[in-house]
PDB file of N, CA and C in Angstrom:
ATOM      1  N   MET A   1      89.256 101.508 122.579  1.00  0.00           N
ATOM      2  CA  MET A   1      90.428 100.758 122.161  1.00  0.00           C
ATOM      3  C   MET A   1      89.994  99.358 121.760  1.00  0.00           C
ATOM      4  N   SER A   2      90.548  98.884 120.655  1.00  0.00           N
ATOM      5  CA  SER A   2      90.212  97.557 120.157  1.00  0.00           C
ATOM      6  C   SER A   2      90.840  96.489 121.043  1.00  0.00           C
ATOM      7  N   ASN A   3      90.061  95.505 121.397  1.00  0.00           N
ATOM      8  CA  ASN A   3      90.612  94.413 122.186  1.00  0.00           C
ATOM      9  C   ASN A   3      90.321  93.072 121.524  1.00  0.00           C
ATOM     10  N   LYS A   4      89.952  93.102 120.249  1.00  0.00           N
ATOM     11  CA  LYS A   4      89.673  91.868 119.539  1.00  0.00           C
ATOM     12  C   LYS A   4      90.979  91.137 119.290  1.00  0.00           C
ATOM     13  N   MET A   5      91.006  89.867 119.707  1.00  0.00           N
ATOM     14  CA  MET A   5      92.204  89.048 119.554  1.00  0.00           C
ATOM     15  C   MET A   5      91.921  87.944 118.536  1.00  0.00           C
ATOM     16  N   PHE A   6      92.915  87.654 117.714  1.00  0.00           N
ATOM     17  CA  PHE A   6      92.792  86.628 116.687  1.00  0.00           C
ATOM     18  C   PHE A   6      93.995  85.705 116.771  1.00  0.00           C
ATOM     19  N   LYS A   7      93.741  84.394 116.799  1.00  0.00           N
ATOM     20  CA  LYS A   7      94.810  83.409 116.880  1.00  0.00           C
ATOM     21  C   LYS A   7      95.299  83.050 115.486  1.00  0.00           C
ATOM     22  N   VAL A   8      96.626  82.942 115.377  1.00  0.00           N
ATOM     23  CA  VAL A   8      97.263  82.586 114.118  1.00  0.00           C
ATOM     24  C   VAL A   8      98.150  81.373 114.366  1.00  0.00           C
ATOM     25  N   LYS A   9      97.875  80.298 113.644  1.00  0.00           N
ATOM     26  CA  LYS A   9      98.690  79.096 113.766  1.00  0.00           C
ATOM     27  C   LYS A   9      99.978  79.298 112.989  1.00  0.00           C
ATOM     28  N   LEU A  10     101.101  79.028 113.640  1.00  0.00           N
ATOM     29  CA  LEU A  10     102.401  79.181 113.000  1.00  0.00           C
ATOM     30  C   LEU A  10     102.753  77.926 112.205  1.00  0.00           C
ATOM     31  N   ALA A  11     103.440  78.096 111.115  1.00  0.00           N
ATOM     32  CA  ALA A  11     103.880  76.963 110.298  1.00  0.00           C
ATOM     33  C   ALA A  11     104.911  76.126 111.067  1.00  0.00           C
ATOM     34  N   THR A  12     105.770  76.809 111.819  1.00  0.00           N
ATOM     35  CA  THR A  12     106.799  76.154 112.625  1.00  0.00           C
ATOM     36  C   THR A  12     106.756  76.753 114.023  1.00  0.00           C
ATOM     37  N   PRO A  13     106.634  75.916 115.063  1.00  0.00           N
ATOM     38  CA  PRO A  13     106.636  76.464 116.426  1.00  0.00           C
ATOM     39  C   PRO A  13     107.917  77.266 116.680  1.00  0.00           C
ATOM     40  N   MET A  14     107.801  78.258 117.542  1.00  0.00           N
ATOM     41  CA  MET A  14     108.947  79.085 117.895  1.00  0.00           C
ATOM     42  C   MET A  14     109.012  79.256 119.402  1.00  0.00           C
ATOM     43  N   GLU A  15     110.151  79.704 119.896  1.00  0.00           N
ATOM     44  CA  GLU A  15     110.319  79.920 121.319  1.00  0.00           C
ATOM     45  C   GLU A  15     110.091  81.392 121.645  1.00  0.00           C
ATOM     46  N   VAL A  16     109.209  81.627 122.614  1.00  0.00           N
ATOM     47  CA  VAL A  16     108.925  82.978 123.087  1.00  0.00           C
ATOM     48  C   VAL A  16     109.000  82.950 124.605  1.00  0.00           C
ATOM     49  N   ASP A  17     109.889  83.743 125.170  1.00  0.00           N
ATOM     50  CA  ASP A  17     110.078  83.781 126.627  1.00  0.00           C
ATOM     51  C   ASP A  17     110.324  82.391 127.210  1.00  0.00           C
ATOM     52  N   GLY A  18     111.115  81.584 126.512  1.00  0.00           N
ATOM     53  CA  GLY A  18     111.479  80.257 127.001  1.00  0.00           C
ATOM     54  C   GLY A  18     110.418  79.188 126.821  1.00  0.00           C
ATOM     55  N   LYS A  19     109.292  79.532 126.177  1.00  0.00           N
ATOM     56  CA  LYS A  19     108.226  78.556 125.955  1.00  0.00           C
ATOM     57  C   LYS A  19     108.046  78.339 124.459  1.00  0.00           C
ATOM     58  N   GLU A  20     107.740  77.081 124.089  1.00  0.00           N
ATOM     59  CA  GLU A  20     107.445  76.793 122.687  1.00  0.00           C
ATOM     60  C   GLU A  20     106.027  77.242 122.374  1.00  0.00           C
ATOM     61  N   VAL A  21     105.894  77.997 121.284  1.00  0.00           N
ATOM     62  CA  VAL A  21     104.614  78.560 120.892  1.00  0.00           C
ATOM     63  C   VAL A  21     104.283  78.078 119.483  1.00  0.00           C
ATOM     64  N   SER A  22     103.073  77.528 119.308  1.00  0.00           N
ATOM     65  CA  SER A  22     102.664  77.065 117.977  1.00  0.00           C
ATOM     66  C   SER A  22     101.597  77.966 117.363  1.00  0.00           C
ATOM     67  N   GLU A  23     101.065  78.882 118.162  1.00  0.00           N
ATOM     68  CA  GLU A  23     100.145  79.881 117.636  1.00  0.00           C
ATOM     69  C   GLU A  23     100.311  81.163 118.435  1.00  0.00           C
ATOM     70  N   LEU A  24     100.044  82.261 117.764  1.00  0.00           N
ATOM     71  CA  LEU A  24     100.161  83.575 118.394  1.00  0.00           C
ATOM     72  C   LEU A  24      98.828  84.279 118.350  1.00  0.00           C
ATOM     73  N   GLU A  25      98.599  85.118 119.339  1.00  0.00           N
ATOM     74  CA  GLU A  25      97.414  85.967 119.337  1.00  0.00           C
ATOM     75  C   GLU A  25      97.815  87.345 118.854  1.00  0.00           C
ATOM     76  N   LEU A  26      97.060  87.838 117.892  1.00  0.00           N
ATOM     77  CA  LEU A  26      97.249  89.194 117.404  1.00  0.00           C
ATOM     78  C   LEU A  26      96.032  90.014 117.783  1.00  0.00           C
ATOM     79  N   ARG A  27      96.285  91.213 118.298  1.00  0.00           N
ATOM     80  CA  ARG A  27      95.204  92.139 118.617  1.00  0.00           C
ATOM     81  C   ARG A  27      94.950  92.995 117.389  1.00  0.00           C
ATOM     82  N   LYS A  28      93.686  93.171 117.054  1.00  0.00           N
ATOM     83  CA  LYS A  28      93.360  94.040 115.936  1.00  0.00           C
ATOM     84  C   LYS A  28      93.932  95.426 116.227  1.00  0.00           C
ATOM     85  N   PRO A  29      94.737  95.982 115.299  1.00  0.00           N
ATOM     86  CA  PRO A  29      95.400  97.249 115.586  1.00  0.00           C
ATOM     87  C   PRO A  29      94.440  98.425 115.680  1.00  0.00           C
ATOM     88  N   THR A  30      94.821  99.367 116.509  1.00  0.00           N
ATOM     89  CA  THR A  30      94.115 100.643 116.611  1.00  0.00           C
ATOM     90  C   THR A  30      94.895 101.673 115.783  1.00  0.00           C
ATOM     91  N   ALA A  31      94.337 102.848 115.632  1.00  0.00           N
ATOM     92  CA  ALA A  31      95.032 103.911 114.900  1.00  0.00           C
ATOM     93  C   ALA A  31      96.388 104.208 115.537  1.00  0.00           C
ATOM     94  N   GLY A  32      96.454 104.177 116.853  1.00  0.00           N
ATOM     95  CA  GLY A  32      97.716 104.440 117.544  1.00  0.00           C
ATOM     96  C   GLY A  32      98.783 103.413 117.241  1.00  0.00           C
ATOM     97  N   ASP A  33      98.382 102.160 117.039  1.00  0.00           N
ATOM     98  CA  ASP A  33      99.342 101.101 116.694  1.00  0.00           C
ATOM     99  C   ASP A  33      99.963 101.330 115.328  1.00  0.00           C
ATOM    100  N   LEU A  34      99.260 102.076 114.483  1.00  0.00           N
ATOM    101  CA  LEU A  34      99.710 102.300 113.106  1.00  0.00           C
ATOM    102  C   LEU A  34     100.525 103.583 112.943  1.00  0.00           C
ATOM    103  N   ARG A  35     100.740 104.327 114.037  1.00  0.00           N
ATOM    104  CA  ARG A  35     101.465 105.597 113.932  1.00  0.00           C
ATOM    105  C   ARG A  35     102.862 105.369 113.338  1.00  0.00           C
ATOM    106  N   GLY A  36     103.216 106.256 112.432  1.00  0.00           N
ATOM    107  CA  GLY A  36     104.529 106.182 111.809  1.00  0.00           C
ATOM    108  C   GLY A  36     104.661 105.132 110.719  1.00  0.00           C
ATOM    109  N   LEU A  37     103.593 104.403 110.441  1.00  0.00           N
ATOM    110  CA  LEU A  37     103.641 103.345 109.428  1.00  0.00           C
ATOM    111  C   LEU A  37     102.911 103.781 108.165  1.00  0.00           C
ATOM    112  N   ASN A  38     103.338 103.245 107.062  1.00  0.00           N
ATOM    113  CA  ASN A  38     102.667 103.451 105.786  1.00  0.00           C
ATOM    114  C   ASN A  38     101.644 102.325 105.648  1.00  0.00           C
ATOM    115  N   LEU A  39     100.368 102.663 105.660  1.00  0.00           N
ATOM    116  CA  LEU A  39      99.314 101.654 105.636  1.00  0.00           C
ATOM    117  C   LEU A  39      99.378 100.778 104.387  1.00  0.00           C
ATOM    118  N   VAL A  40      99.757 101.355 103.263  1.00  0.00           N
ATOM    119  CA  VAL A  40      99.895 100.567 102.033  1.00  0.00           C
ATOM    120  C   VAL A  40     100.966  99.495 102.230  1.00  0.00           C
ATOM    121  N   GLN A  41     102.089  99.856 102.856  1.00  0.00           N
ATOM    122  CA  GLN A  41     103.152  98.877 103.097  1.00  0.00           C
ATOM    123  C   GLN A  41     102.709  97.795 104.068  1.00  0.00           C
ATOM    124  N   VAL A  42     101.912  98.158 105.067  1.00  0.00           N
ATOM    125  CA  VAL A  42     101.383  97.157 105.994  1.00  0.00           C
ATOM    126  C   VAL A  42     100.504  96.170 105.227  1.00  0.00           C
ATOM    127  N   CYS A  43      99.594  96.677 104.416  1.00  0.00           N
ATOM    128  CA  CYS A  43      98.677  95.818 103.659  1.00  0.00           C
ATOM    129  C   CYS A  43      99.396  94.993 102.596  1.00  0.00           C
ATOM    130  N   GLU A  44     100.486  95.537 102.055  1.00  0.00           N
ATOM    131  CA  GLU A  44     101.267  94.791 101.061  1.00  0.00           C
ATOM    132  C   GLU A  44     102.265  93.847 101.712  1.00  0.00           C
ATOM    133  N   MET A  45     102.249  93.780 103.035  1.00  0.00           N
ATOM    134  CA  MET A  45     103.052  92.847 103.824  1.00  0.00           C
ATOM    135  C   MET A  45     104.556  93.096 103.705  1.00  0.00           C
ATOM    136  N   HIS A  46     104.960  94.378 103.670  1.00  0.00           N
ATOM    137  CA  HIS A  46     106.385  94.703 103.672  1.00  0.00           C
ATOM    138  C   HIS A  46     106.967  94.331 105.038  1.00  0.00           C
ATOM    139  N   PHE A  47     108.110  93.672 105.024  1.00  0.00           N
ATOM    140  CA  PHE A  47     108.707  93.206 106.277  1.00  0.00           C
ATOM    141  C   PHE A  47     108.932  94.344 107.260  1.00  0.00           C
ATOM    142  N   ASP A  48     109.507  95.458 106.808  1.00  0.00           N
ATOM    143  CA  ASP A  48     109.831  96.551 107.736  1.00  0.00           C
ATOM    144  C   ASP A  48     108.596  97.086 108.452  1.00  0.00           C
ATOM    145  N   ALA A  49     107.484  97.168 107.749  1.00  0.00           N
ATOM    146  CA  ALA A  49     106.243  97.649 108.364  1.00  0.00           C
ATOM    147  C   ALA A  49     105.728  96.639 109.383  1.00  0.00           C
ATOM    148  N   VAL A  50     105.760  95.370 109.017  1.00  0.00           N
ATOM    149  CA  VAL A  50     105.284  94.319 109.931  1.00  0.00           C
ATOM    150  C   VAL A  50     106.217  94.190 111.130  1.00  0.00           C
ATOM    151  N   TYR A  51     107.502  94.388 110.919  1.00  0.00           N
ATOM    152  CA  TYR A  51     108.493  94.335 111.999  1.00  0.00           C
ATOM    153  C   TYR A  51     108.187  95.378 113.073  1.00  0.00           C
ATOM    154  N   ILE A  52     107.702  96.536 112.656  1.00  0.00           N
ATOM    155  CA  ILE A  52     107.334  97.586 113.612  1.00  0.00           C
ATOM    156  C   ILE A  52     105.978  97.298 114.251  1.00  0.00           C
ATOM    157  N   LEU A  53     105.023  96.801 113.462  1.00  0.00           N
ATOM    158  CA  LEU A  53     103.660  96.600 113.960  1.00  0.00           C
ATOM    159  C   LEU A  53     103.513  95.383 114.882  1.00  0.00           C
ATOM    160  N   LEU A  54     104.154  94.278 114.565  1.00  0.00           N
ATOM    161  CA  LEU A  54     103.941  93.044 115.340  1.00  0.00           C
ATOM    162  C   LEU A  54     104.177  93.209 116.849  1.00  0.00           C
ATOM    163  N   PRO A  55     105.262  93.860 117.291  1.00  0.00           N
ATOM    164  CA  PRO A  55     105.417  94.020 118.752  1.00  0.00           C
ATOM    165  C   PRO A  55     104.320  94.866 119.395  1.00  0.00           C
ATOM    166  N   ARG A  56     103.667  95.689 118.610  1.00  0.00           N
ATOM    167  CA  ARG A  56     102.601  96.533 119.141  1.00  0.00           C
ATOM    168  C   ARG A  56     101.290  95.768 119.320  1.00  0.00           C
ATOM    169  N   ILE A  57     101.116  94.673 118.588  1.00  0.00           N
ATOM    170  CA  ILE A  57      99.832  93.962 118.616  1.00  0.00           C
ATOM    171  C   ILE A  57      99.968  92.496 119.030  1.00  0.00           C
ATOM    172  N   SER A  58     101.153  92.101 119.502  1.00  0.00           N
ATOM    173  CA  SER A  58     101.358  90.706 119.919  1.00  0.00           C
ATOM    174  C   SER A  58     102.327  90.664 121.095  1.00  0.00           C
ATOM    175  N   GLU A  59     102.620  89.470 121.540  1.00  0.00           N
ATOM    176  CA  GLU A  59     103.569  89.293 122.635  1.00  0.00           C
ATOM    177  C   GLU A  59     105.015  89.259 122.146  1.00  0.00           C
ATOM    178  N   LEU A  60     105.231  89.372 120.841  1.00  0.00           N
ATOM    179  CA  LEU A  60     106.573  89.293 120.281  1.00  0.00           C
ATOM    180  C   LEU A  60     107.335  90.595 120.468  1.00  0.00           C
ATOM    181  N   ASN A  61     108.655  90.473 120.578  1.00  0.00           N
ATOM    182  CA  ASN A  61     109.510  91.652 120.559  1.00  0.00           C
ATOM    183  C   ASN A  61     110.344  91.617 119.283  1.00  0.00           C
ATOM    184  N   GLU A  62     111.149  92.651 119.063  1.00  0.00           N
ATOM    185  CA  GLU A  62     111.922  92.741 117.819  1.00  0.00           C
ATOM    186  C   GLU A  62     112.850  91.543 117.634  1.00  0.00           C
ATOM    187  N   ARG A  63     113.483  91.084 118.705  1.00  0.00           N
ATOM    188  CA  ARG A  63     114.410  89.944 118.620  1.00  0.00           C
ATOM    189  C   ARG A  63     113.651  88.684 118.205  1.00  0.00           C
ATOM    190  N   ASP A  64     112.460  88.465 118.775  1.00  0.00           N
ATOM    191  CA  ASP A  64     111.649  87.300 118.382  1.00  0.00           C
ATOM    192  C   ASP A  64     111.381  87.318 116.881  1.00  0.00           C
ATOM    193  N   ILE A  65     111.063  88.486 116.355  1.00  0.00           N
ATOM    194  CA  ILE A  65     110.730  88.603 114.934  1.00  0.00           C
ATOM    195  C   ILE A  65     111.954  88.331 114.072  1.00  0.00           C
ATOM    196  N   LEU A  66     113.103  88.875 114.459  1.00  0.00           N
ATOM    197  CA  LEU A  66     114.323  88.650 113.680  1.00  0.00           C
ATOM    198  C   LEU A  66     114.755  87.184 113.699  1.00  0.00           C
ATOM    199  N   ASN A  67     114.434  86.460 114.762  1.00  0.00           N
ATOM    200  CA  ASN A  67     114.808  85.052 114.878  1.00  0.00           C
ATOM    201  C   ASN A  67     113.743  84.092 114.340  1.00  0.00           C
ATOM    202  N   MET A  68     112.614  84.617 113.919  1.00  0.00           N
ATOM    203  CA  MET A  68     111.502  83.786 113.470  1.00  0.00           C
ATOM    204  C   MET A  68     111.829  83.067 112.158  1.00  0.00           C
ATOM    205  N   GLU A  69     111.355  81.834 112.046  1.00  0.00           N
ATOM    206  CA  GLU A  69     111.496  81.093 110.796  1.00  0.00           C
ATOM    207  C   GLU A  69     110.693  81.809 109.712  1.00  0.00           C
ATOM    208  N   THR A  70     111.227  81.850 108.513  1.00  0.00           N
ATOM    209  CA  THR A  70     110.595  82.614 107.438  1.00  0.00           C
ATOM    210  C   THR A  70     109.192  82.122 107.105  1.00  0.00           C
ATOM    211  N   GLU A  71     108.926  80.833 107.246  1.00  0.00           N
ATOM    212  CA  GLU A  71     107.599  80.313 106.901  1.00  0.00           C
ATOM    213  C   GLU A  71     106.503  80.788 107.855  1.00  0.00           C
ATOM    214  N   ASN A  72     106.883  81.375 108.985  1.00  0.00           N
ATOM    215  CA  ASN A  72     105.883  81.896 109.913  1.00  0.00           C
ATOM    216  C   ASN A  72     105.387  83.292 109.529  1.00  0.00           C
ATOM    217  N   PHE A  73     106.109  83.973 108.645  1.00  0.00           N
ATOM    218  CA  PHE A  73     105.705  85.321 108.278  1.00  0.00           C
ATOM    219  C   PHE A  73     104.416  85.355 107.471  1.00  0.00           C
ATOM    220  N   ALA A  74     104.249  84.423 106.542  1.00  0.00           N
ATOM    221  CA  ALA A  74     103.060  84.456 105.675  1.00  0.00           C
ATOM    222  C   ALA A  74     101.755  84.409 106.470  1.00  0.00           C
ATOM    223  N   PRO A  75     101.580  83.466 107.419  1.00  0.00           N
ATOM    224  CA  PRO A  75     100.309  83.469 108.149  1.00  0.00           C
ATOM    225  C   PRO A  75     100.107  84.729 108.998  1.00  0.00           C
ATOM    226  N   LEU A  76     101.174  85.251 109.588  1.00  0.00           N
ATOM    227  CA  LEU A  76     101.047  86.461 110.403  1.00  0.00           C
ATOM    228  C   LEU A  76     100.733  87.677 109.540  1.00  0.00           C
ATOM    229  N   MET A  77     101.441  87.815 108.433  1.00  0.00           N
ATOM    230  CA  MET A  77     101.217  88.957 107.552  1.00  0.00           C
ATOM    231  C   MET A  77      99.837  88.898 106.903  1.00  0.00           C
ATOM    232  N   THR A  78      99.380  87.702 106.580  1.00  0.00           N
ATOM    233  CA  THR A  78      98.049  87.547 105.987  1.00  0.00           C
ATOM    234  C   THR A  78      96.978  87.976 106.979  1.00  0.00           C
ATOM    235  N   GLU A  79      97.131  87.579 108.236  1.00  0.00           N
ATOM    236  CA  GLU A  79      96.161  87.979 109.266  1.00  0.00           C
ATOM    237  C   GLU A  79      96.173  89.493 109.453  1.00  0.00           C
ATOM    238  N   ILE A  80      97.356  90.084 109.484  1.00  0.00           N
ATOM    239  CA  ILE A  80      97.449  91.540 109.635  1.00  0.00           C
ATOM    240  C   ILE A  80      96.765  92.238 108.470  1.00  0.00           C
ATOM    241  N   ALA A  81      97.037  91.800 107.241  1.00  0.00           N
ATOM    242  CA  ALA A  81      96.415  92.417 106.065  1.00  0.00           C
ATOM    243  C   ALA A  81      94.897  92.275 106.117  1.00  0.00           C
ATOM    244  N   SER A  82      94.404  91.170 106.669  1.00  0.00           N
ATOM    245  CA  SER A  82      92.961  90.944 106.731  1.00  0.00           C
ATOM    246  C   SER A  82      92.260  91.937 107.667  1.00  0.00           C
ATOM    247  N   PHE A  83      92.985  92.547 108.596  1.00  0.00           N
ATOM    248  CA  PHE A  83      92.389  93.544 109.468  1.00  0.00           C
ATOM    249  C   PHE A  83      91.876  94.758 108.708  1.00  0.00           C
ATOM    250  N   PHE A  84      92.393  94.972 107.501  1.00  0.00           N
ATOM    251  CA  PHE A  84      92.060  96.169 106.742  1.00  0.00           C
ATOM    252  C   PHE A  84      91.066  95.884 105.620  1.00  0.00           C
ATOM    253  N   VAL A  85      90.459  94.723 105.665  1.00  0.00           N
ATOM    254  CA  VAL A  85      89.427  94.335 104.714  1.00  0.00           C
ATOM    255  C   VAL A  85      88.139  94.152 105.497  1.00  0.00           C
ATOM    256  N   ASP A  86      87.058  94.691 105.019  1.00  0.00           N
ATOM    257  CA  ASP A  86      85.783  94.583 105.745  1.00  0.00           C
ATOM    258  C   ASP A  86      85.269  93.146 105.642  1.00  0.00           C
ATOM    259  N   MET A  87      85.585  92.366 106.683  1.00  0.00           N
ATOM    260  CA  MET A  87      85.148  90.968 106.734  1.00  0.00           C
ATOM    261  C   MET A  87      84.272  90.745 107.967  1.00  0.00           C
ATOM    262  N   LYS A  88      83.569  91.785 108.387  1.00  0.00           N
ATOM    263  CA  LYS A  88      82.685  91.728 109.565  1.00  0.00           C
ATOM    264  C   LYS A  88      83.465  91.398 110.834  1.00  0.00           C
ATOM    265  N   ARG A  89      84.664  91.941 110.970  1.00  0.00           N
ATOM    266  CA  ARG A  89      85.477  91.714 112.179  1.00  0.00           C
ATOM    267  C   ARG A  89      85.031  92.704 113.191  1.00  0.00           C
TER     268      ARG A  89
END
């Protein structure tokens, strides 16, 4: 199981479990994390795909994602897409 964690700085801090968070840790997804998802949609940063994947690889839940400021999606989605590019990760 992959346990590689990557920190992503958020454009705007957000509240998670009553604490202000300015960066999130994302775990590199495993095949199991991707079940039921269209990999092309994940790599193309479709919101619905990322909405399902983020709770599986971070401390966020669905409500956190729905309440997130829109400017925070780009850095998170970019990091997720980078998991599928051979960058010696």
